[in-house]
Amino acid sequence: ADYRVKSRNNVVAKKCVSDAKSAVRWI
């Protein structure tokens, strides 16, 4: 899975968590 990170998307870690949860939910 891809997810947003700070260097590419300027996000904080809680956004990474949201993406990971979205990935599991989507599957």
mmCIF file of all heavy atoms, coordinates in Angstrom:
data_MODEL
# 
_entry.id   MODEL 
# 
loop_
_atom_site.group_PDB 
_atom_site.id 
_atom_site.type_symbol 
_atom_site.label_atom_id 
_atom_site.label_alt_id 
_atom_site.label_comp_id 
_atom_site.label_asym_id 
_atom_site.label_entity_id 
_atom_site.label_seq_id 
_atom_site.pdbx_PDB_ins_code 
_atom_site.Cartn_x 
_atom_site.Cartn_y 
_atom_site.Cartn_z 
_atom_site.occupancy 
_atom_site.B_iso_or_equiv 
_atom_site.pdbx_formal_charge 
_atom_site.auth_seq_id 
_atom_site.auth_comp_id 
_atom_site.auth_asym_id 
_atom_site.auth_atom_id 
_atom_site.pdbx_PDB_model_num 
ATOM 1   N N   . ALA A 1 1  ? 0.826   -1.214 0.000  1.00 0.00 ? 1  ALA A N   1 
ATOM 2   C CA  . ALA A 1 1  ? 0.000   0.000  0.000  1.00 0.00 ? 1  ALA A CA  1 
ATOM 3   C C   . ALA A 1 1  ? 0.856   1.258  0.000  1.00 0.00 ? 1  ALA A C   1 
ATOM 4   O O   . ALA A 1 1  ? 1.894   1.323  0.678  1.00 0.00 ? 1  ALA A O   1 
ATOM 5   C CB  . ALA A 1 1  ? -0.905  0.015  1.234  1.00 0.00 ? 1  ALA A CB  1 
ATOM 6   N N   . ASP A 1 2  ? 0.418   2.248  -0.731 1.00 0.00 ? 2  ASP A N   1 
ATOM 7   C CA  . ASP A 1 2  ? 0.989   3.587  -0.642 1.00 0.00 ? 2  ASP A CA  1 
ATOM 8   C C   . ASP A 1 2  ? 0.212   4.379  0.404  1.00 0.00 ? 2  ASP A C   1 
ATOM 9   O O   . ASP A 1 2  ? -0.955  4.072  0.696  1.00 0.00 ? 2  ASP A O   1 
ATOM 10  C CB  . ASP A 1 2  ? 0.910   4.287  -1.995 1.00 0.00 ? 2  ASP A CB  1 
ATOM 11  C CG  . ASP A 1 2  ? 1.876   5.462  -2.117 1.00 0.00 ? 2  ASP A CG  1 
ATOM 12  O OD1 . ASP A 1 2  ? 2.677   5.682  -1.176 1.00 0.00 ? 2  ASP A OD1 1 
ATOM 13  O OD2 . ASP A 1 2  ? 1.841   6.143  -3.161 1.00 0.00 ? 2  ASP A OD2 1 
ATOM 14  N N   . TYR A 1 3  ? 0.843   5.363  0.997  1.00 0.00 ? 3  TYR A N   1 
ATOM 15  C CA  . TYR A 1 3  ? 0.166   6.295  1.895  1.00 0.00 ? 3  TYR A CA  1 
ATOM 16  C C   . TYR A 1 3  ? 0.924   7.612  1.862  1.00 0.00 ? 3  TYR A C   1 
ATOM 17  O O   . TYR A 1 3  ? 2.075   7.679  1.422  1.00 0.00 ? 3  TYR A O   1 
ATOM 18  C CB  . TYR A 1 3  ? 0.052   5.733  3.320  1.00 0.00 ? 3  TYR A CB  1 
ATOM 19  C CG  . TYR A 1 3  ? 1.368   5.442  4.014  1.00 0.00 ? 3  TYR A CG  1 
ATOM 20  C CD1 . TYR A 1 3  ? 2.023   6.418  4.780  1.00 0.00 ? 3  TYR A CD1 1 
ATOM 21  C CD2 . TYR A 1 3  ? 1.966   4.189  3.933  1.00 0.00 ? 3  TYR A CD2 1 
ATOM 22  C CE1 . TYR A 1 3  ? 3.216   6.154  5.428  1.00 0.00 ? 3  TYR A CE1 1 
ATOM 23  C CE2 . TYR A 1 3  ? 3.164   3.912  4.577  1.00 0.00 ? 3  TYR A CE2 1 
ATOM 24  C CZ  . TYR A 1 3  ? 3.788   4.897  5.323  1.00 0.00 ? 3  TYR A CZ  1 
ATOM 25  O OH  . TYR A 1 3  ? 4.984   4.641  5.963  1.00 0.00 ? 3  TYR A OH  1 
ATOM 26  N N   . ARG A 1 4  ? 0.275   8.672  2.308  1.00 0.00 ? 4  ARG A N   1 
ATOM 27  C CA  . ARG A 1 4  ? 0.918   9.989  2.296  1.00 0.00 ? 4  ARG A CA  1 
ATOM 28  C C   . ARG A 1 4  ? 2.036   10.068 3.335  1.00 0.00 ? 4  ARG A C   1 
ATOM 29  O O   . ARG A 1 4  ? 1.932   9.489  4.415  1.00 0.00 ? 4  ARG A O   1 
ATOM 30  C CB  . ARG A 1 4  ? -0.121  11.072 2.572  1.00 0.00 ? 4  ARG A CB  1 
ATOM 31  C CG  . ARG A 1 4  ? -1.134  11.281 1.456  1.00 0.00 ? 4  ARG A CG  1 
ATOM 32  C CD  . ARG A 1 4  ? -2.257  12.194 1.905  1.00 0.00 ? 4  ARG A CD  1 
ATOM 33  N NE  . ARG A 1 4  ? -3.088  11.560 2.929  1.00 0.00 ? 4  ARG A NE  1 
ATOM 34  C CZ  . ARG A 1 4  ? -4.019  12.173 3.641  1.00 0.00 ? 4  ARG A CZ  1 
ATOM 35  N NH1 . ARG A 1 4  ? -4.225  13.473 3.464  1.00 0.00 ? 4  ARG A NH1 1 
ATOM 36  N NH2 . ARG A 1 4  ? -4.744  11.525 4.530  1.00 0.00 ? 4  ARG A NH2 1 
ATOM 37  N N   . VAL A 1 5  ? 3.106   10.783 2.985  1.00 0.00 ? 5  VAL A N   1 
ATOM 38  C CA  . VAL A 1 5  ? 4.223   10.998 3.914  1.00 0.00 ? 5  VAL A CA  1 
ATOM 39  C C   . VAL A 1 5  ? 4.607   12.479 3.887  1.00 0.00 ? 5  VAL A C   1 
ATOM 40  O O   . VAL A 1 5  ? 4.244   13.211 2.969  1.00 0.00 ? 5  VAL A O   1 
ATOM 41  C CB  . VAL A 1 5  ? 5.438   10.119 3.553  1.00 0.00 ? 5  VAL A CB  1 
ATOM 42  C CG1 . VAL A 1 5  ? 5.120   8.643  3.730  1.00 0.00 ? 5  VAL A CG1 1 
ATOM 43  C CG2 . VAL A 1 5  ? 5.924   10.398 2.132  1.00 0.00 ? 5  VAL A CG2 1 
ATOM 44  N N   . LYS A 1 6  ? 5.374   12.877 4.874  1.00 0.00 ? 6  LYS A N   1 
ATOM 45  C CA  . LYS A 1 6  ? 5.706   14.297 5.035  1.00 0.00 ? 6  LYS A CA  1 
ATOM 46  C C   . LYS A 1 6  ? 6.496   14.857 3.850  1.00 0.00 ? 6  LYS A C   1 
ATOM 47  O O   . LYS A 1 6  ? 6.195   15.940 3.350  1.00 0.00 ? 6  LYS A O   1 
ATOM 48  C CB  . LYS A 1 6  ? 6.493   14.510 6.331  1.00 0.00 ? 6  LYS A CB  1 
ATOM 49  C CG  . LYS A 1 6  ? 6.825   15.974 6.598  1.00 0.00 ? 6  LYS A CG  1 
ATOM 50  C CD  . LYS A 1 6  ? 7.492   16.169 7.936  1.00 0.00 ? 6  LYS A CD  1 
ATOM 51  C CE  . LYS A 1 6  ? 7.911   17.619 8.158  1.00 0.00 ? 6  LYS A CE  1 
ATOM 52  N NZ  . LYS A 1 6  ? 6.774   18.552 8.087  1.00 0.00 ? 6  LYS A NZ  1 
ATOM 53  N N   . SER A 1 7  ? 7.525   14.134 3.371  1.00 0.00 ? 7  SER A N   1 
ATOM 54  C CA  . SER A 1 7  ? 8.399   14.677 2.333  1.00 0.00 ? 7  SER A CA  1 
ATOM 55  C C   . SER A 1 7  ? 7.680   14.896 1.008  1.00 0.00 ? 7  SER A C   1 
ATOM 56  O O   . SER A 1 7  ? 8.005   15.817 0.263  1.00 0.00 ? 7  SER A O   1 
ATOM 57  C CB  . SER A 1 7  ? 9.611   13.758 2.123  1.00 0.00 ? 7  SER A CB  1 
ATOM 58  O OG  . SER A 1 7  ? 9.202   12.502 1.609  1.00 0.00 ? 7  SER A OG  1 
ATOM 59  N N   . ARG A 1 8  ? 6.692   14.055 0.716  1.00 0.00 ? 8  ARG A N   1 
ATOM 60  C CA  . ARG A 1 8  ? 5.981   14.170 -0.559 1.00 0.00 ? 8  ARG A CA  1 
ATOM 61  C C   . ARG A 1 8  ? 4.660   14.914 -0.451 1.00 0.00 ? 8  ARG A C   1 
ATOM 62  O O   . ARG A 1 8  ? 4.211   15.552 -1.410 1.00 0.00 ? 8  ARG A O   1 
ATOM 63  C CB  . ARG A 1 8  ? 5.710   12.766 -1.133 1.00 0.00 ? 8  ARG A CB  1 
ATOM 64  C CG  . ARG A 1 8  ? 6.961   12.015 -1.557 1.00 0.00 ? 8  ARG A CG  1 
ATOM 65  C CD  . ARG A 1 8  ? 6.630   10.759 -2.340 1.00 0.00 ? 8  ARG A CD  1 
ATOM 66  N NE  . ARG A 1 8  ? 6.102   9.680  -1.532 1.00 0.00 ? 8  ARG A NE  1 
ATOM 67  C CZ  . ARG A 1 8  ? 6.839   8.713  -0.982 1.00 0.00 ? 8  ARG A CZ  1 
ATOM 68  N NH1 . ARG A 1 8  ? 8.167   8.716  -1.125 1.00 0.00 ? 8  ARG A NH1 1 
ATOM 69  N NH2 . ARG A 1 8  ? 6.279   7.738  -0.276 1.00 0.00 ? 8  ARG A NH2 1 
ATOM 70  N N   . ASN A 1 9  ? 4.022   14.814 0.714  1.00 0.00 ? 9  ASN A N   1 
ATOM 71  C CA  . ASN A 1 9  ? 2.653   15.325 0.847  1.00 0.00 ? 9  ASN A CA  1 
ATOM 72  C C   . ASN A 1 9  ? 2.483   16.312 1.985  1.00 0.00 ? 9  ASN A C   1 
ATOM 73  O O   . ASN A 1 9  ? 1.376   16.796 2.211  1.00 0.00 ? 9  ASN A O   1 
ATOM 74  C CB  . ASN A 1 9  ? 1.682   14.157 1.048  1.00 0.00 ? 9  ASN A CB  1 
ATOM 75  C CG  . ASN A 1 9  ? 1.884   13.059 0.027  1.00 0.00 ? 9  ASN A CG  1 
ATOM 76  O OD1 . ASN A 1 9  ? 2.418   11.995 0.357  1.00 0.00 ? 9  ASN A OD1 1 
ATOM 77  N ND2 . ASN A 1 9  ? 1.508   13.295 -1.215 1.00 0.00 ? 9  ASN A ND2 1 
ATOM 78  N N   . ASN A 1 10 ? 3.564   16.575 2.724  1.00 0.00 ? 10 ASN A N   1 
ATOM 79  C CA  . ASN A 1 10 ? 3.546   17.547 3.818  1.00 0.00 ? 10 ASN A CA  1 
ATOM 80  C C   . ASN A 1 10 ? 2.446   17.252 4.836  1.00 0.00 ? 10 ASN A C   1 
ATOM 81  O O   . ASN A 1 10 ? 1.660   18.128 5.210  1.00 0.00 ? 10 ASN A O   1 
ATOM 82  C CB  . ASN A 1 10 ? 3.399   18.971 3.278  1.00 0.00 ? 10 ASN A CB  1 
ATOM 83  C CG  . ASN A 1 10 ? 3.747   20.014 4.333  1.00 0.00 ? 10 ASN A CG  1 
ATOM 84  O OD1 . ASN A 1 10 ? 4.587   19.769 5.201  1.00 0.00 ? 10 ASN A OD1 1 
ATOM 85  N ND2 . ASN A 1 10 ? 3.105   21.167 4.273  1.00 0.00 ? 10 ASN A ND2 1 
ATOM 86  N N   . VAL A 1 11 ? 2.388   15.988 5.270  1.00 0.00 ? 11 VAL A N   1 
ATOM 87  C CA  . VAL A 1 11 ? 1.382   15.592 6.244  1.00 0.00 ? 11 VAL A CA  1 
ATOM 88  C C   . VAL A 1 11 ? 2.041   15.172 7.553  1.00 0.00 ? 11 VAL A C   1 
ATOM 89  O O   . VAL A 1 11 ? 3.209   14.774 7.587  1.00 0.00 ? 11 VAL A O   1 
ATOM 90  C CB  . VAL A 1 11 ? 0.523   14.408 5.715  1.00 0.00 ? 11 VAL A CB  1 
ATOM 91  C CG1 . VAL A 1 11 ? -0.297  14.832 4.519  1.00 0.00 ? 11 VAL A CG1 1 
ATOM 92  C CG2 . VAL A 1 11 ? 1.386   13.198 5.387  1.00 0.00 ? 11 VAL A CG2 1 
ATOM 93  N N   . VAL A 1 12 ? 1.268   15.261 8.624  1.00 0.00 ? 12 VAL A N   1 
ATOM 94  C CA  . VAL A 1 12 ? 1.702   14.735 9.919  1.00 0.00 ? 12 VAL A CA  1 
ATOM 95  C C   . VAL A 1 12 ? 1.323   13.265 10.011 1.00 0.00 ? 12 VAL A C   1 
ATOM 96  O O   . VAL A 1 12 ? 0.537   12.743 9.209  1.00 0.00 ? 12 VAL A O   1 
ATOM 97  C CB  . VAL A 1 12 ? 1.066   15.539 11.072 1.00 0.00 ? 12 VAL A CB  1 
ATOM 98  C CG1 . VAL A 1 12 ? 1.647   16.935 11.138 1.00 0.00 ? 12 VAL A CG1 1 
ATOM 99  C CG2 . VAL A 1 12 ? -0.458  15.577 10.926 1.00 0.00 ? 12 VAL A CG2 1 
ATOM 100 N N   . ALA A 1 13 ? 1.877   12.571 11.005 1.00 0.00 ? 13 ALA A N   1 
ATOM 101 C CA  . ALA A 1 13 ? 1.743   11.113 11.064 1.00 0.00 ? 13 ALA A CA  1 
ATOM 102 C C   . ALA A 1 13 ? 0.305   10.636 11.232 1.00 0.00 ? 13 ALA A C   1 
ATOM 103 O O   . ALA A 1 13 ? -0.035  9.537  10.788 1.00 0.00 ? 13 ALA A O   1 
ATOM 104 C CB  . ALA A 1 13 ? 2.622   10.567 12.189 1.00 0.00 ? 13 ALA A CB  1 
ATOM 105 N N   . LYS A 1 14 ? -0.553  11.446 11.867 1.00 0.00 ? 14 LYS A N   1 
ATOM 106 C CA  . LYS A 1 14 ? -1.933  10.979 12.037 1.00 0.00 ? 14 LYS A CA  1 
ATOM 107 C C   . LYS A 1 14 ? -2.624  10.795 10.690 1.00 0.00 ? 14 LYS A C   1 
ATOM 108 O O   . LYS A 1 14 ? -3.539  9.981  10.562 1.00 0.00 ? 14 LYS A O   1 
ATOM 109 C CB  . LYS A 1 14 ? -2.723  11.931 12.932 1.00 0.00 ? 14 LYS A CB  1 
ATOM 110 C CG  . LYS A 1 14 ? -3.051  13.281 12.325 1.00 0.00 ? 14 LYS A CG  1 
ATOM 111 C CD  . LYS A 1 14 ? -3.900  14.112 13.274 1.00 0.00 ? 14 LYS A CD  1 
ATOM 112 C CE  . LYS A 1 14 ? -4.314  15.443 12.656 1.00 0.00 ? 14 LYS A CE  1 
ATOM 113 N NZ  . LYS A 1 14 ? -5.141  16.254 13.591 1.00 0.00 ? 14 LYS A NZ  1 
ATOM 114 N N   . LYS A 1 15 ? -2.180  11.524 9.648  1.00 0.00 ? 15 LYS A N   1 
ATOM 115 C CA  . LYS A 1 15 ? -2.736  11.335 8.310  1.00 0.00 ? 15 LYS A CA  1 
ATOM 116 C C   . LYS A 1 15 ? -2.271  10.003 7.721  1.00 0.00 ? 15 LYS A C   1 
ATOM 117 O O   . LYS A 1 15 ? -3.006  9.359  6.965  1.00 0.00 ? 15 LYS A O   1 
ATOM 118 C CB  . LYS A 1 15 ? -2.331  12.487 7.392  1.00 0.00 ? 15 LYS A CB  1 
ATOM 119 C CG  . LYS A 1 15 ? -2.849  13.850 7.844  1.00 0.00 ? 15 LYS A CG  1 
ATOM 120 C CD  . LYS A 1 15 ? -4.377  13.908 7.825  1.00 0.00 ? 15 LYS A CD  1 
ATOM 121 C CE  . LYS A 1 15 ? -4.892  15.294 8.169  1.00 0.00 ? 15 LYS A CE  1 
ATOM 122 N NZ  . LYS A 1 15 ? -6.370  15.357 8.189  1.00 0.00 ? 15 LYS A NZ  1 
ATOM 123 N N   . CYS A 1 16 ? -1.052  9.598  8.068  1.00 0.00 ? 16 CYS A N   1 
ATOM 124 C CA  . CYS A 1 16 ? -0.567  8.278  7.641  1.00 0.00 ? 16 CYS A CA  1 
ATOM 125 C C   . CYS A 1 16 ? -1.442  7.188  8.245  1.00 0.00 ? 16 CYS A C   1 
ATOM 126 O O   . CYS A 1 16 ? -1.777  6.200  7.581  1.00 0.00 ? 16 CYS A O   1 
ATOM 127 C CB  . CYS A 1 16 ? 0.882   8.079  8.061  1.00 0.00 ? 16 CYS A CB  1 
ATOM 128 S SG  . CYS A 1 16 ? 2.034   9.364  7.565  1.00 0.00 ? 16 CYS A SG  1 
ATOM 129 N N   . VAL A 1 17 ? -1.805  7.360  9.521  1.00 0.00 ? 17 VAL A N   1 
ATOM 130 C CA  . VAL A 1 17 ? -2.687  6.400  10.191 1.00 0.00 ? 17 VAL A CA  1 
ATOM 131 C C   . VAL A 1 17 ? -4.039  6.349  9.487  1.00 0.00 ? 17 VAL A C   1 
ATOM 132 O O   . VAL A 1 17 ? -4.589  5.271  9.236  1.00 0.00 ? 17 VAL A O   1 
ATOM 133 C CB  . VAL A 1 17 ? -2.858  6.751  11.679 1.00 0.00 ? 17 VAL A CB  1 
ATOM 134 C CG1 . VAL A 1 17 ? -3.918  5.860  12.326 1.00 0.00 ? 17 VAL A CG1 1 
ATOM 135 C CG2 . VAL A 1 17 ? -1.529  6.619  12.411 1.00 0.00 ? 17 VAL A CG2 1 
ATOM 136 N N   . SER A 1 18 ? -4.589  7.512  9.153  1.00 0.00 ? 18 SER A N   1 
ATOM 137 C CA  . SER A 1 18 ? -5.877  7.547  8.450  1.00 0.00 ? 18 SER A CA  1 
ATOM 138 C C   . SER A 1 18 ? -5.807  6.786  7.133  1.00 0.00 ? 18 SER A C   1 
ATOM 139 O O   . SER A 1 18 ? -6.732  6.040  6.779  1.00 0.00 ? 18 SER A O   1 
ATOM 140 C CB  . SER A 1 18 ? -6.301  8.999  8.190  1.00 0.00 ? 18 SER A CB  1 
ATOM 141 O OG  . SER A 1 18 ? -6.573  9.678  9.398  1.00 0.00 ? 18 SER A OG  1 
ATOM 142 N N   . ASP A 1 19 ? -4.703  6.964  6.404  1.00 0.00 ? 19 ASP A N   1 
ATOM 143 C CA  . ASP A 1 19 ? -4.561  6.262  5.127  1.00 0.00 ? 19 ASP A CA  1 
ATOM 144 C C   . ASP A 1 19 ? -4.468  4.757  5.337  1.00 0.00 ? 19 ASP A C   1 
ATOM 145 O O   . ASP A 1 19 ? -5.065  3.973  4.572  1.00 0.00 ? 19 ASP A O   1 
ATOM 146 C CB  . ASP A 1 19 ? -3.318  6.763  4.389  1.00 0.00 ? 19 ASP A CB  1 
ATOM 147 C CG  . ASP A 1 19 ? -3.452  8.198  3.912  1.00 0.00 ? 19 ASP A CG  1 
ATOM 148 O OD1 . ASP A 1 19 ? -4.582  8.730  3.898  1.00 0.00 ? 19 ASP A OD1 1 
ATOM 149 O OD2 . ASP A 1 19 ? -2.415  8.793  3.551  1.00 0.00 ? 19 ASP A OD2 1 
ATOM 150 N N   . ALA A 1 20 ? -3.722  4.335  6.345  1.00 0.00 ? 20 ALA A N   1 
ATOM 151 C CA  . ALA A 1 20 ? -3.599  2.900  6.616  1.00 0.00 ? 20 ALA A CA  1 
ATOM 152 C C   . ALA A 1 20 ? -4.949  2.290  6.965  1.00 0.00 ? 20 ALA A C   1 
ATOM 153 O O   . ALA A 1 20 ? -5.314  1.199  6.485  1.00 0.00 ? 20 ALA A O   1 
ATOM 154 C CB  . ALA A 1 20 ? -2.592  2.666  7.739  1.00 0.00 ? 20 ALA A CB  1 
ATOM 155 N N   . LYS A 1 21 ? -5.718  2.992  7.781  1.00 0.00 ? 21 LYS A N   1 
ATOM 156 C CA  . LYS A 1 21 ? -7.050  2.502  8.129  1.00 0.00 ? 21 LYS A CA  1 
ATOM 157 C C   . LYS A 1 21 ? -7.953  2.459  6.890  1.00 0.00 ? 21 LYS A C   1 
ATOM 158 O O   . LYS A 1 21 ? -8.742  1.519  6.710  1.00 0.00 ? 21 LYS A O   1 
ATOM 159 C CB  . LYS A 1 21 ? -7.661  3.369  9.229  1.00 0.00 ? 21 LYS A CB  1 
ATOM 160 C CG  . LYS A 1 21 ? -6.873  3.330  10.542 1.00 0.00 ? 21 LYS A CG  1 
ATOM 161 C CD  . LYS A 1 21 ? -7.563  4.091  11.658 1.00 0.00 ? 21 LYS A CD  1 
ATOM 162 C CE  . LYS A 1 21 ? -8.682  3.272  12.249 1.00 0.00 ? 21 LYS A CE  1 
ATOM 163 N NZ  . LYS A 1 21 ? -9.232  3.861  13.482 1.00 0.00 ? 21 LYS A NZ  1 
ATOM 164 N N   . SER A 1 22 ? -7.811  3.452  6.032  1.00 0.00 ? 22 SER A N   1 
ATOM 165 C CA  . SER A 1 22 ? -8.598  3.460  4.788  1.00 0.00 ? 22 SER A CA  1 
ATOM 166 C C   . SER A 1 22 ? -8.250  2.261  3.919  1.00 0.00 ? 22 SER A C   1 
ATOM 167 O O   . SER A 1 22 ? -9.135  1.671  3.281  1.00 0.00 ? 22 SER A O   1 
ATOM 168 C CB  . SER A 1 22 ? -8.336  4.748  4.005  1.00 0.00 ? 22 SER A CB  1 
ATOM 169 O OG  . SER A 1 22 ? -8.790  5.884  4.700  1.00 0.00 ? 22 SER A OG  1 
ATOM 170 N N   . ALA A 1 23 ? -6.958  1.906  3.875  1.00 0.00 ? 23 ALA A N   1 
ATOM 171 C CA  . ALA A 1 23 ? -6.526  0.781  3.036  1.00 0.00 ? 23 ALA A CA  1 
ATOM 172 C C   . ALA A 1 23 ? -7.132  -0.529 3.525  1.00 0.00 ? 23 ALA A C   1 
ATOM 173 O O   . ALA A 1 23 ? -7.662  -1.319 2.728  1.00 0.00 ? 23 ALA A O   1 
ATOM 174 C CB  . ALA A 1 23 ? -4.998  0.695  3.025  1.00 0.00 ? 23 ALA A CB  1 
ATOM 175 N N   . VAL A 1 24 ? -7.070  -0.771 4.838  1.00 0.00 ? 24 VAL A N   1 
ATOM 176 C CA  . VAL A 1 24 ? -7.657  -2.004 5.386  1.00 0.00 ? 24 VAL A CA  1 
ATOM 177 C C   . VAL A 1 24 ? -9.156  -2.020 5.144  1.00 0.00 ? 24 VAL A C   1 
ATOM 178 O O   . VAL A 1 24 ? -9.731  -3.047 4.731  1.00 0.00 ? 24 VAL A O   1 
ATOM 179 C CB  . VAL A 1 24 ? -7.337  -2.148 6.886  1.00 0.00 ? 24 VAL A CB  1 
ATOM 180 C CG1 . VAL A 1 24 ? -8.049  -3.362 7.471  1.00 0.00 ? 24 VAL A CG1 1 
ATOM 181 C CG2 . VAL A 1 24 ? -5.833  -2.254 7.115  1.00 0.00 ? 24 VAL A CG2 1 
ATOM 182 N N   . ARG A 1 25 ? -9.801  -0.888 5.382  1.00 0.00 ? 25 ARG A N   1 
ATOM 183 C CA  . ARG A 1 25 ? -11.253 -0.808 5.184  1.00 0.00 ? 25 ARG A CA  1 
ATOM 184 C C   . ARG A 1 25 ? -11.627 -1.046 3.708  1.00 0.00 ? 25 ARG A C   1 
ATOM 185 O O   . ARG A 1 25 ? -12.588 -1.763 3.406  1.00 0.00 ? 25 ARG A O   1 
ATOM 186 C CB  . ARG A 1 25 ? -11.767 0.555  5.647  1.00 0.00 ? 25 ARG A CB  1 
ATOM 187 C CG  . ARG A 1 25 ? -13.260 0.761  5.413  1.00 0.00 ? 25 ARG A CG  1 
ATOM 188 C CD  . ARG A 1 25 ? -13.770 2.039  6.046  1.00 0.00 ? 25 ARG A CD  1 
ATOM 189 N NE  . ARG A 1 25 ? -13.864 1.904  7.487  1.00 0.00 ? 25 ARG A NE  1 
ATOM 190 C CZ  . ARG A 1 25 ? -13.197 2.657  8.366  1.00 0.00 ? 25 ARG A CZ  1 
ATOM 191 N NH1 . ARG A 1 25 ? -12.376 3.613  7.940  1.00 0.00 ? 25 ARG A NH1 1 
ATOM 192 N NH2 . ARG A 1 25 ? -13.343 2.464  9.665  1.00 0.00 ? 25 ARG A NH2 1 
ATOM 193 N N   . TRP A 1 26 ? -10.851 -0.455 2.786  1.00 0.00 ? 26 TRP A N   1 
ATOM 194 C CA  . TRP A 1 26 ? -11.146 -0.623 1.350  1.00 0.00 ? 26 TRP A CA  1 
ATOM 195 C C   . TRP A 1 26 ? -11.025 -2.088 0.954  1.00 0.00 ? 26 TRP A C   1 
ATOM 196 O O   . TRP A 1 26 ? -11.862 -2.618 0.210  1.00 0.00 ? 26 TRP A O   1 
ATOM 197 C CB  . TRP A 1 26 ? -10.188 0.227  0.523  1.00 0.00 ? 26 TRP A CB  1 
ATOM 198 C CG  . TRP A 1 26 ? -10.571 0.307  -0.939 1.00 0.00 ? 26 TRP A CG  1 
ATOM 199 C CD1 . TRP A 1 26 ? -11.313 1.277  -1.548 1.00 0.00 ? 26 TRP A CD1 1 
ATOM 200 C CD2 . TRP A 1 26 ? -10.243 -0.650 -1.961 1.00 0.00 ? 26 TRP A CD2 1 
ATOM 201 N NE1 . TRP A 1 26 ? -11.463 0.997  -2.884 1.00 0.00 ? 26 TRP A NE1 1 
ATOM 202 C CE2 . TRP A 1 26 ? -10.820 -0.189 -3.162 1.00 0.00 ? 26 TRP A CE2 1 
ATOM 203 C CE3 . TRP A 1 26 ? -9.526  -1.839 -1.971 1.00 0.00 ? 26 TRP A CE3 1 
ATOM 204 C CZ2 . TRP A 1 26 ? -10.700 -0.880 -4.371 1.00 0.00 ? 26 TRP A CZ2 1 
ATOM 205 C CZ3 . TRP A 1 26 ? -9.400  -2.539 -3.171 1.00 0.00 ? 26 TRP A CZ3 1 
ATOM 206 C CH2 . TRP A 1 26 ? -9.986  -2.064 -4.355 1.00 0.00 ? 26 TRP A CH2 1 
ATOM 207 N N   . ILE A 1 27 ? -9.999  -2.758 1.431  1.00 0.00 ? 27 ILE A N   1 
ATOM 208 C CA  . ILE A 1 27 ? -9.815  -4.179 1.095  1.00 0.00 ? 27 ILE A CA  1 
ATOM 209 C C   . ILE A 1 27 ? -10.992 -5.006 1.609  1.00 0.00 ? 27 ILE A C   1 
ATOM 210 O O   . ILE A 1 27 ? -11.539 -5.854 0.897  1.00 0.00 ? 27 ILE A O   1 
ATOM 211 C CB  . ILE A 1 27 ? -8.487  -4.699 1.674  1.00 0.00 ? 27 ILE A CB  1 
ATOM 212 C CG1 . ILE A 1 27 ? -7.305  -4.001 0.989  1.00 0.00 ? 27 ILE A CG1 1 
ATOM 213 C CG2 . ILE A 1 27 ? -8.377  -6.220 1.518  1.00 0.00 ? 27 ILE A CG2 1 
ATOM 214 C CD1 . ILE A 1 27 ? -5.984  -4.166 1.712  1.00 0.00 ? 27 ILE A CD1 1 
# 
